[in-house]
PDB file of all heavy atoms in Angstrom:
ATOM      1  N   ALA A   1      -3.336 -23.992  16.806  1.00  0.00           N
ATOM      2  CA  ALA A   1      -2.797 -23.010  15.864  1.00  0.00           C
ATOM      3  C   ALA A   1      -1.284 -23.169  15.715  1.00  0.00           C
ATOM      4  O   ALA A   1      -0.746 -23.139  14.605  1.00  0.00           O
ATOM      5  CB  ALA A   1      -3.136 -21.597  16.333  1.00  0.00           C
ATOM      6  N   ARG A   2      -0.587 -23.357  16.847  1.00  0.00           N
ATOM      7  CA  ARG A   2       0.866 -23.520  16.796  1.00  0.00           C
ATOM      8  C   ARG A   2       1.252 -24.756  16.000  1.00  0.00           C
ATOM      9  O   ARG A   2       2.138 -24.699  15.131  1.00  0.00           O
ATOM     10  CB  ARG A   2       1.424 -23.644  18.208  1.00  0.00           C
ATOM     11  CG  ARG A   2       2.940 -23.856  18.251  1.00  0.00           C
ATOM     12  CD  ARG A   2       3.375 -24.442  19.577  1.00  0.00           C
ATOM     13  NE  ARG A   2       2.724 -25.732  19.823  1.00  0.00           N
ATOM     14  CZ  ARG A   2       2.757 -26.359  20.997  1.00  0.00           C
ATOM     15  NH1 ARG A   2       3.381 -25.812  22.019  1.00  0.00           N
ATOM     16  NH2 ARG A   2       2.151 -27.525  21.139  1.00  0.00           N
ATOM     17  N   ASP A   3       0.592 -25.880  16.263  1.00  0.00           N
ATOM     18  CA  ASP A   3       0.922 -27.124  15.556  1.00  0.00           C
ATOM     19  C   ASP A   3       0.645 -27.001  14.061  1.00  0.00           C
ATOM     20  O   ASP A   3       1.396 -27.532  13.230  1.00  0.00           O
ATOM     21  CB  ASP A   3       0.128 -28.283  16.146  1.00  0.00           C
ATOM     22  CG  ASP A   3       0.553 -28.610  17.572  1.00  0.00           C
ATOM     23  OD1 ASP A   3       1.619 -28.135  17.992  1.00  0.00           O
ATOM     24  OD2 ASP A   3      -0.201 -29.326  18.262  1.00  0.00           O
ATOM     25  N   PHE A   4      -0.429 -26.293  13.714  1.00  0.00           N
ATOM     26  CA  PHE A   4      -0.770 -26.078  12.308  1.00  0.00           C
ATOM     27  C   PHE A   4       0.371 -25.359  11.582  1.00  0.00           C
ATOM     28  O   PHE A   4       0.822 -25.780  10.516  1.00  0.00           O
ATOM     29  CB  PHE A   4      -2.070 -25.283  12.221  1.00  0.00           C
ATOM     30  CG  PHE A   4      -2.413 -24.784  10.843  1.00  0.00           C
ATOM     31  CD1 PHE A   4      -2.771 -25.666   9.839  1.00  0.00           C
ATOM     32  CD2 PHE A   4      -2.383 -23.422  10.551  1.00  0.00           C
ATOM     33  CE1 PHE A   4      -3.096 -25.205   8.564  1.00  0.00           C
ATOM     34  CE2 PHE A   4      -2.699 -22.956   9.287  1.00  0.00           C
ATOM     35  CZ  PHE A   4      -3.057 -23.849   8.288  1.00  0.00           C
ATOM     36  N   TYR A   5       0.874 -24.266  12.192  1.00  0.00           N
ATOM     37  CA  TYR A   5       1.919 -23.487  11.539  1.00  0.00           C
ATOM     38  C   TYR A   5       3.282 -24.170  11.623  1.00  0.00           C
ATOM     39  O   TYR A   5       4.084 -24.078  10.685  1.00  0.00           O
ATOM     40  CB  TYR A   5       1.981 -22.075  12.132  1.00  0.00           C
ATOM     41  CG  TYR A   5       0.914 -21.184  11.557  1.00  0.00           C
ATOM     42  CD1 TYR A   5      -0.229 -20.878  12.289  1.00  0.00           C
ATOM     43  CD2 TYR A   5       1.023 -20.679  10.271  1.00  0.00           C
ATOM     44  CE1 TYR A   5      -1.224 -20.086  11.754  1.00  0.00           C
ATOM     45  CE2 TYR A   5       0.041 -19.881   9.721  1.00  0.00           C
ATOM     46  CZ  TYR A   5      -1.088 -19.583  10.476  1.00  0.00           C
ATOM     47  OH  TYR A   5      -2.074 -18.808   9.937  1.00  0.00           O
ATOM     48  N   ASP A   6       3.558 -24.855  12.725  1.00  0.00           N
ATOM     49  CA  ASP A   6       4.829 -25.575  12.814  1.00  0.00           C
ATOM     50  C   ASP A   6       4.938 -26.631  11.715  1.00  0.00           C
ATOM     51  O   ASP A   6       5.995 -26.799  11.098  1.00  0.00           O
ATOM     52  CB  ASP A   6       4.963 -26.238  14.189  1.00  0.00           C
ATOM     53  CG  ASP A   6       5.522 -25.293  15.243  1.00  0.00           C
ATOM     54  OD1 ASP A   6       5.953 -24.181  14.871  1.00  0.00           O
ATOM     55  OD2 ASP A   6       5.532 -25.663  16.427  1.00  0.00           O
ATOM     56  N   ARG A   7       3.825 -27.350  11.486  1.00  0.00           N
ATOM     57  CA  ARG A   7       3.850 -28.379  10.437  1.00  0.00           C
ATOM     58  C   ARG A   7       3.905 -27.745   9.051  1.00  0.00           C
ATOM     59  O   ARG A   7       4.669 -28.188   8.187  1.00  0.00           O
ATOM     60  CB  ARG A   7       2.613 -29.274  10.549  1.00  0.00           C
ATOM     61  CG  ARG A   7       2.628 -30.227  11.729  1.00  0.00           C
ATOM     62  CD  ARG A   7       1.565 -31.310  11.559  1.00  0.00           C
ATOM     63  NE  ARG A   7       0.233 -30.741  11.372  1.00  0.00           N
ATOM     64  CZ  ARG A   7      -0.589 -30.439  12.385  1.00  0.00           C
ATOM     65  NH1 ARG A   7      -0.213 -30.646  13.632  1.00  0.00           N
ATOM     66  NH2 ARG A   7      -1.794 -29.941  12.145  1.00  0.00           N
ATOM     67  N   TRP A   8       3.087 -26.735   8.832  1.00  0.00           N
ATOM     68  CA  TRP A   8       2.999 -26.131   7.507  1.00  0.00           C
ATOM     69  C   TRP A   8       4.320 -25.474   7.106  1.00  0.00           C
ATOM     70  O   TRP A   8       4.827 -25.668   6.001  1.00  0.00           O
ATOM     71  CB  TRP A   8       1.868 -25.104   7.492  1.00  0.00           C
ATOM     72  CG  TRP A   8       1.654 -24.449   6.157  1.00  0.00           C
ATOM     73  CD1 TRP A   8       1.945 -24.956   4.929  1.00  0.00           C
ATOM     74  CD2 TRP A   8       1.101 -23.146   5.926  1.00  0.00           C
ATOM     75  NE1 TRP A   8       1.603 -24.061   3.932  1.00  0.00           N
ATOM     76  CE2 TRP A   8       1.086 -22.942   4.528  1.00  0.00           C
ATOM     77  CE3 TRP A   8       0.599 -22.145   6.753  1.00  0.00           C
ATOM     78  CZ2 TRP A   8       0.600 -21.768   3.958  1.00  0.00           C
ATOM     79  CZ3 TRP A   8       0.119 -20.984   6.179  1.00  0.00           C
ATOM     80  CH2 TRP A   8       0.114 -20.801   4.797  1.00  0.00           C
ATOM     81  N   ILE A   9       4.909 -24.704   8.003  1.00  0.00           N
ATOM     82  CA  ILE A   9       6.101 -23.930   7.679  1.00  0.00           C
ATOM     83  C   ILE A   9       7.384 -24.719   7.880  1.00  0.00           C
ATOM     84  O   ILE A   9       8.383 -24.514   7.196  1.00  0.00           O
ATOM     85  CB  ILE A   9       6.135 -22.640   8.533  1.00  0.00           C
ATOM     86  CG1 ILE A   9       4.898 -21.783   8.240  1.00  0.00           C
ATOM     87  CG2 ILE A   9       7.414 -21.851   8.300  1.00  0.00           C
ATOM     88  CD1 ILE A   9       4.754 -21.374   6.789  1.00  0.00           C
ATOM     89  N   GLY A  10       7.374 -25.676   8.803  1.00  0.00           N
ATOM     90  CA  GLY A  10       8.610 -26.336   9.189  1.00  0.00           C
ATOM     91  C   GLY A  10       9.019 -27.514   8.330  1.00  0.00           C
ATOM     92  O   GLY A  10      10.158 -27.983   8.430  1.00  0.00           O
ATOM     93  N   GLU A  11       8.126 -28.017   7.498  1.00  0.00           N
ATOM     94  CA  GLU A  11       8.460 -29.195   6.710  1.00  0.00           C
ATOM     95  C   GLU A  11       9.225 -28.811   5.432  1.00  0.00           C
ATOM     96  O   GLU A  11       9.482 -27.631   5.183  1.00  0.00           O
ATOM     97  CB  GLU A  11       7.182 -29.972   6.388  1.00  0.00           C
ATOM     98  CG  GLU A  11       6.515 -30.542   7.648  1.00  0.00           C
ATOM     99  CD  GLU A  11       5.220 -31.268   7.352  1.00  0.00           C
ATOM    100  OE1 GLU A  11       4.795 -31.273   6.175  1.00  0.00           O
ATOM    101  OE2 GLU A  11       4.630 -31.817   8.302  1.00  0.00           O
ATOM    102  N   SER A  12       9.570 -29.796   4.633  1.00  0.00           N
ATOM    103  CA  SER A  12      10.416 -29.545   3.459  1.00  0.00           C
ATOM    104  C   SER A  12       9.685 -29.719   2.133  1.00  0.00           C
ATOM    105  O   SER A  12      10.296 -29.573   1.075  1.00  0.00           O
ATOM    106  CB  SER A  12      11.633 -30.483   3.479  1.00  0.00           C
ATOM    107  OG  SER A  12      11.206 -31.842   3.509  1.00  0.00           O
ATOM    108  N   GLY A  13       8.391 -30.031   2.173  1.00  0.00           N
ATOM    109  CA  GLY A  13       7.644 -30.260   0.946  1.00  0.00           C
ATOM    110  C   GLY A  13       7.231 -28.977   0.249  1.00  0.00           C
ATOM    111  O   GLY A  13       7.510 -27.862   0.700  1.00  0.00           O
ATOM    112  N   PHE A  14       6.520 -29.150  -0.878  1.00  0.00           N
ATOM    113  CA  PHE A  14       6.107 -28.002  -1.692  1.00  0.00           C
ATOM    114  C   PHE A  14       5.193 -27.063  -0.924  1.00  0.00           C
ATOM    115  O   PHE A  14       5.316 -25.834  -1.016  1.00  0.00           O
ATOM    116  CB  PHE A  14       5.398 -28.500  -2.954  1.00  0.00           C
ATOM    117  CG  PHE A  14       4.822 -27.382  -3.790  1.00  0.00           C
ATOM    118  CD1 PHE A  14       5.664 -26.585  -4.567  1.00  0.00           C
ATOM    119  CD2 PHE A  14       3.467 -27.109  -3.778  1.00  0.00           C
ATOM    120  CE1 PHE A  14       5.143 -25.545  -5.335  1.00  0.00           C
ATOM    121  CE2 PHE A  14       2.937 -26.076  -4.544  1.00  0.00           C
ATOM    122  CZ  PHE A  14       3.781 -25.288  -5.323  1.00  0.00           C
ATOM    123  N   ALA A  15       4.247 -27.623  -0.145  1.00  0.00           N
ATOM    124  CA  ALA A  15       3.302 -26.780   0.605  1.00  0.00           C
ATOM    125  C   ALA A  15       4.035 -25.867   1.582  1.00  0.00           C
ATOM    126  O   ALA A  15       3.686 -24.690   1.741  1.00  0.00           O
ATOM    127  CB  ALA A  15       2.294 -27.650   1.348  1.00  0.00           C
ATOM    128  N   SER A  16       5.069 -26.393   2.243  1.00  0.00           N
ATOM    129  CA  SER A  16       5.834 -25.577   3.189  1.00  0.00           C
ATOM    130  C   SER A  16       6.655 -24.512   2.463  1.00  0.00           C
ATOM    131  O   SER A  16       6.759 -23.374   2.927  1.00  0.00           O
ATOM    132  CB  SER A  16       6.753 -26.471   4.028  1.00  0.00           C
ATOM    133  OG  SER A  16       6.001 -27.306   4.877  1.00  0.00           O
ATOM    134  N   LEU A  17       7.227 -24.876   1.337  1.00  0.00           N
ATOM    135  CA  LEU A  17       7.967 -23.887   0.551  1.00  0.00           C
ATOM    136  C   LEU A  17       7.052 -22.761   0.092  1.00  0.00           C
ATOM    137  O   LEU A  17       7.410 -21.580   0.153  1.00  0.00           O
ATOM    138  CB  LEU A  17       8.620 -24.569  -0.653  1.00  0.00           C
ATOM    139  CG  LEU A  17       9.765 -25.531  -0.361  1.00  0.00           C
ATOM    140  CD1 LEU A  17      10.186 -26.270  -1.625  1.00  0.00           C
ATOM    141  CD2 LEU A  17      10.949 -24.785   0.236  1.00  0.00           C
ATOM    142  N   LEU A  18       5.848 -23.134  -0.356  1.00  0.00           N
ATOM    143  CA  LEU A  18       4.880 -22.131  -0.781  1.00  0.00           C
ATOM    144  C   LEU A  18       4.454 -21.269   0.400  1.00  0.00           C
ATOM    145  O   LEU A  18       4.330 -20.039   0.284  1.00  0.00           O
ATOM    146  CB  LEU A  18       3.661 -22.818  -1.397  1.00  0.00           C
ATOM    147  CG  LEU A  18       2.546 -21.904  -1.901  1.00  0.00           C
ATOM    148  CD1 LEU A  18       3.064 -20.982  -3.001  1.00  0.00           C
ATOM    149  CD2 LEU A  18       1.374 -22.734  -2.415  1.00  0.00           C
ATOM    150  N   GLY A  19       4.239 -21.891   1.559  1.00  0.00           N
ATOM    151  CA  GLY A  19       3.850 -21.147   2.753  1.00  0.00           C
ATOM    152  C   GLY A  19       4.897 -20.125   3.158  1.00  0.00           C
ATOM    153  O   GLY A  19       4.576 -18.983   3.470  1.00  0.00           O
ATOM    154  N   ARG A  20       6.146 -20.523   3.133  1.00  0.00           N
ATOM    155  CA  ARG A  20       7.216 -19.588   3.506  1.00  0.00           C
ATOM    156  C   ARG A  20       7.308 -18.440   2.508  1.00  0.00           C
ATOM    157  O   ARG A  20       7.563 -17.290   2.887  1.00  0.00           O
ATOM    158  CB  ARG A  20       8.547 -20.336   3.613  1.00  0.00           C
ATOM    159  CG  ARG A  20       8.579 -21.315   4.785  1.00  0.00           C
ATOM    160  CD  ARG A  20       9.991 -21.790   5.082  1.00  0.00           C
ATOM    161  NE  ARG A  20      10.527 -22.664   4.056  1.00  0.00           N
ATOM    162  CZ  ARG A  20      10.370 -23.978   4.017  1.00  0.00           C
ATOM    163  NH1 ARG A  20       9.651 -24.583   4.944  1.00  0.00           N
ATOM    164  NH2 ARG A  20      10.926 -24.703   3.065  1.00  0.00           N
ATOM    165  N   LEU A  21       7.063 -18.736   1.228  1.00  0.00           N
ATOM    166  CA  LEU A  21       7.060 -17.678   0.214  1.00  0.00           C
ATOM    167  C   LEU A  21       5.925 -16.694   0.478  1.00  0.00           C
ATOM    168  O   LEU A  21       6.117 -15.468   0.403  1.00  0.00           O
ATOM    169  CB  LEU A  21       6.911 -18.287  -1.174  1.00  0.00           C
ATOM    170  CG  LEU A  21       6.791 -17.290  -2.334  1.00  0.00           C
ATOM    171  CD1 LEU A  21       8.026 -16.416  -2.433  1.00  0.00           C
ATOM    172  CD2 LEU A  21       6.545 -18.031  -3.648  1.00  0.00           C
ATOM    173  N   ILE A  22       4.744 -17.218   0.806  1.00  0.00           N
ATOM    174  CA  ILE A  22       3.596 -16.354   1.098  1.00  0.00           C
ATOM    175  C   ILE A  22       3.910 -15.424   2.265  1.00  0.00           C
ATOM    176  O   ILE A  22       3.632 -14.212   2.210  1.00  0.00           O
ATOM    177  CB  ILE A  22       2.353 -17.208   1.402  1.00  0.00           C
ATOM    178  CG1 ILE A  22       1.862 -17.899   0.128  1.00  0.00           C
ATOM    179  CG2 ILE A  22       1.238 -16.357   2.009  1.00  0.00           C
ATOM    180  CD1 ILE A  22       0.786 -18.938   0.377  1.00  0.00           C
ATOM    181  N   PHE A  23       4.510 -15.963   3.313  1.00  0.00           N
ATOM    182  CA  PHE A  23       4.804 -15.135   4.484  1.00  0.00           C
ATOM    183  C   PHE A  23       5.900 -14.120   4.192  1.00  0.00           C
ATOM    184  O   PHE A  23       5.896 -13.017   4.742  1.00  0.00           O
ATOM    185  CB  PHE A  23       5.163 -16.013   5.681  1.00  0.00           C
ATOM    186  CG  PHE A  23       3.958 -16.539   6.403  1.00  0.00           C
ATOM    187  CD1 PHE A  23       3.460 -17.801   6.116  1.00  0.00           C
ATOM    188  CD2 PHE A  23       3.289 -15.758   7.332  1.00  0.00           C
ATOM    189  CE1 PHE A  23       2.337 -18.287   6.759  1.00  0.00           C
ATOM    190  CE2 PHE A  23       2.161 -16.232   7.979  1.00  0.00           C
ATOM    191  CZ  PHE A  23       1.677 -17.493   7.698  1.00  0.00           C
ATOM    192  N   ARG A  24       6.837 -14.477   3.344  1.00  0.00           N
ATOM    193  CA  ARG A  24       7.861 -13.491   2.970  1.00  0.00           C
ATOM    194  C   ARG A  24       7.246 -12.355   2.158  1.00  0.00           C
ATOM    195  O   ARG A  24       7.620 -11.190   2.307  1.00  0.00           O
ATOM    196  CB  ARG A  24       8.986 -14.163   2.182  1.00  0.00           C
ATOM    197  CG  ARG A  24       9.841 -15.091   3.036  1.00  0.00           C
ATOM    198  CD  ARG A  24      11.078 -15.546   2.299  1.00  0.00           C
ATOM    199  NE  ARG A  24      11.862 -16.476   3.114  1.00  0.00           N
ATOM    200  CZ  ARG A  24      11.872 -17.791   2.951  1.00  0.00           C
ATOM    201  NH1 ARG A  24      11.170 -18.333   1.967  1.00  0.00           N
ATOM    202  NH2 ARG A  24      12.594 -18.557   3.732  1.00  0.00           N
ATOM    203  N   LEU A  25       6.297 -12.695   1.286  1.00  0.00           N
ATOM    204  CA  LEU A  25       5.644 -11.672   0.473  1.00  0.00           C
ATOM    205  C   LEU A  25       4.720 -10.782   1.291  1.00  0.00           C
ATOM    206  O   LEU A  25       4.378  -9.675   0.864  1.00  0.00           O
ATOM    207  CB  LEU A  25       4.849 -12.328  -0.659  1.00  0.00           C
ATOM    208  CG  LEU A  25       5.673 -12.992  -1.764  1.00  0.00           C
ATOM    209  CD1 LEU A  25       4.760 -13.723  -2.739  1.00  0.00           C
ATOM    210  CD2 LEU A  25       6.524 -11.961  -2.499  1.00  0.00           C
ATOM    211  N   SER A  26       4.295 -11.256   2.473  1.00  0.00           N
ATOM    212  CA  SER A  26       3.352 -10.471   3.281  1.00  0.00           C
ATOM    213  C   SER A  26       3.939  -9.118   3.667  1.00  0.00           C
ATOM    214  O   SER A  26       3.202  -8.145   3.839  1.00  0.00           O
ATOM    215  CB  SER A  26       2.956 -11.246   4.544  1.00  0.00           C
ATOM    216  OG  SER A  26       4.057 -11.408   5.417  1.00  0.00           O
ATOM    217  N   GLY A  27       5.258  -9.048   3.789  1.00  0.00           N
ATOM    218  CA  GLY A  27       5.873  -7.769   4.098  1.00  0.00           C
ATOM    219  C   GLY A  27       5.566  -6.731   3.039  1.00  0.00           C
ATOM    220  O   GLY A  27       5.230  -5.586   3.341  1.00  0.00           O
ATOM    221  N   ALA A  28       5.655  -7.140   1.774  1.00  0.00           N
ATOM    222  CA  ALA A  28       5.373  -6.217   0.671  1.00  0.00           C
ATOM    223  C   ALA A  28       3.881  -5.894   0.585  1.00  0.00           C
ATOM    224  O   ALA A  28       3.489  -4.768   0.266  1.00  0.00           O
ATOM    225  CB  ALA A  28       5.863  -6.817  -0.639  1.00  0.00           C
ATOM    226  N   VAL A  29       3.038  -6.878   0.886  1.00  0.00           N
ATOM    227  CA  VAL A  29       1.595  -6.709   0.725  1.00  0.00           C
ATOM    228  C   VAL A  29       1.005  -5.794   1.797  1.00  0.00           C
ATOM    229  O   VAL A  29       0.173  -4.924   1.514  1.00  0.00           O
ATOM    230  CB  VAL A  29       0.889  -8.080   0.751  1.00  0.00           C
ATOM    231  CG1 VAL A  29      -0.622  -7.916   0.756  1.00  0.00           C
ATOM    232  CG2 VAL A  29       1.333  -8.932  -0.427  1.00  0.00           C
ATOM    233  N   TYR A  30       1.437  -5.976   3.034  1.00  0.00           N
ATOM    234  CA  TYR A  30       0.776  -5.313   4.161  1.00  0.00           C
ATOM    235  C   TYR A  30       1.489  -4.076   4.702  1.00  0.00           C
ATOM    236  O   TYR A  30       0.894  -3.276   5.417  1.00  0.00           O
ATOM    237  CB  TYR A  30       0.626  -6.302   5.320  1.00  0.00           C
ATOM    238  CG  TYR A  30      -0.345  -7.421   5.063  1.00  0.00           C
ATOM    239  CD1 TYR A  30       0.084  -8.745   5.035  1.00  0.00           C
ATOM    240  CD2 TYR A  30      -1.694  -7.165   4.859  1.00  0.00           C
ATOM    241  CE1 TYR A  30      -0.803  -9.785   4.804  1.00  0.00           C
ATOM    242  CE2 TYR A  30      -2.590  -8.192   4.630  1.00  0.00           C
ATOM    243  CZ  TYR A  30      -2.144  -9.501   4.603  1.00  0.00           C
ATOM    244  OH  TYR A  30      -3.020 -10.525   4.373  1.00  0.00           O
ATOM    245  N   THR A  31       2.761  -3.904   4.391  1.00  0.00           N
ATOM    246  CA  THR A  31       3.541  -2.872   5.070  1.00  0.00           C
ATOM    247  C   THR A  31       3.035  -1.465   4.809  1.00  0.00           C
ATOM    248  O   THR A  31       2.930  -0.643   5.728  1.00  0.00           O
ATOM    249  CB  THR A  31       5.025  -2.976   4.668  1.00  0.00           C
ATOM    250  OG1 THR A  31       5.510  -4.249   5.056  1.00  0.00           O
ATOM    251  CG2 THR A  31       5.845  -1.900   5.344  1.00  0.00           C
ATOM    252  N   ARG A  32       2.705  -1.149   3.561  1.00  0.00           N
ATOM    253  CA  ARG A  32       2.256   0.203   3.244  1.00  0.00           C
ATOM    254  C   ARG A  32       1.026   0.576   4.073  1.00  0.00           C
ATOM    255  O   ARG A  32       0.957   1.673   4.641  1.00  0.00           O
ATOM    256  CB  ARG A  32       1.944   0.318   1.745  1.00  0.00           C
ATOM    257  CG  ARG A  32       1.514   1.717   1.317  1.00  0.00           C
ATOM    258  CD  ARG A  32       1.055   1.716  -0.131  1.00  0.00           C
ATOM    259  NE  ARG A  32       2.135   1.356  -1.040  1.00  0.00           N
ATOM    260  CZ  ARG A  32       2.973   2.236  -1.570  1.00  0.00           C
ATOM    261  NH1 ARG A  32       2.852   3.529  -1.267  1.00  0.00           N
ATOM    262  NH2 ARG A  32       3.919   1.838  -2.387  1.00  0.00           N
ATOM    263  N   THR A  33       0.065  -0.363   4.146  1.00  0.00           N
ATOM    264  CA  THR A  33      -1.144  -0.100   4.938  1.00  0.00           C
ATOM    265  C   THR A  33      -0.801   0.047   6.412  1.00  0.00           C
ATOM    266  O   THR A  33      -1.325   0.934   7.101  1.00  0.00           O
ATOM    267  CB  THR A  33      -2.156  -1.239   4.753  1.00  0.00           C
ATOM    268  OG1 THR A  33      -2.524  -1.318   3.380  1.00  0.00           O
ATOM    269  CG2 THR A  33      -3.398  -1.004   5.597  1.00  0.00           C
ATOM    270  N   PHE A  34       0.060  -0.820   6.929  1.00  0.00           N
ATOM    271  CA  PHE A  34       0.432  -0.761   8.336  1.00  0.00           C
ATOM    272  C   PHE A  34       1.075   0.576   8.685  1.00  0.00           C
ATOM    273  O   PHE A  34       0.699   1.233   9.670  1.00  0.00           O
ATOM    274  CB  PHE A  34       1.384  -1.916   8.663  1.00  0.00           C
ATOM    275  CG  PHE A  34       1.916  -1.903  10.070  1.00  0.00           C
ATOM    276  CD1 PHE A  34       1.062  -1.701  11.145  1.00  0.00           C
ATOM    277  CD2 PHE A  34       3.266  -2.101  10.312  1.00  0.00           C
ATOM    278  CE1 PHE A  34       1.548  -1.694  12.448  1.00  0.00           C
ATOM    279  CE2 PHE A  34       3.752  -2.099  11.601  1.00  0.00           C
ATOM    280  CZ  PHE A  34       2.898  -1.897  12.670  1.00  0.00           C
TER     281      PHE A  34
END
């Protein structure tokens, strides 16, 4: 699990940029419910 996220989030390609955007948006998506 750690290696999966380190590679996905830590690289510089489009997939990593998209991944970081998704995680930043998670605050808006989940916070109200939390």
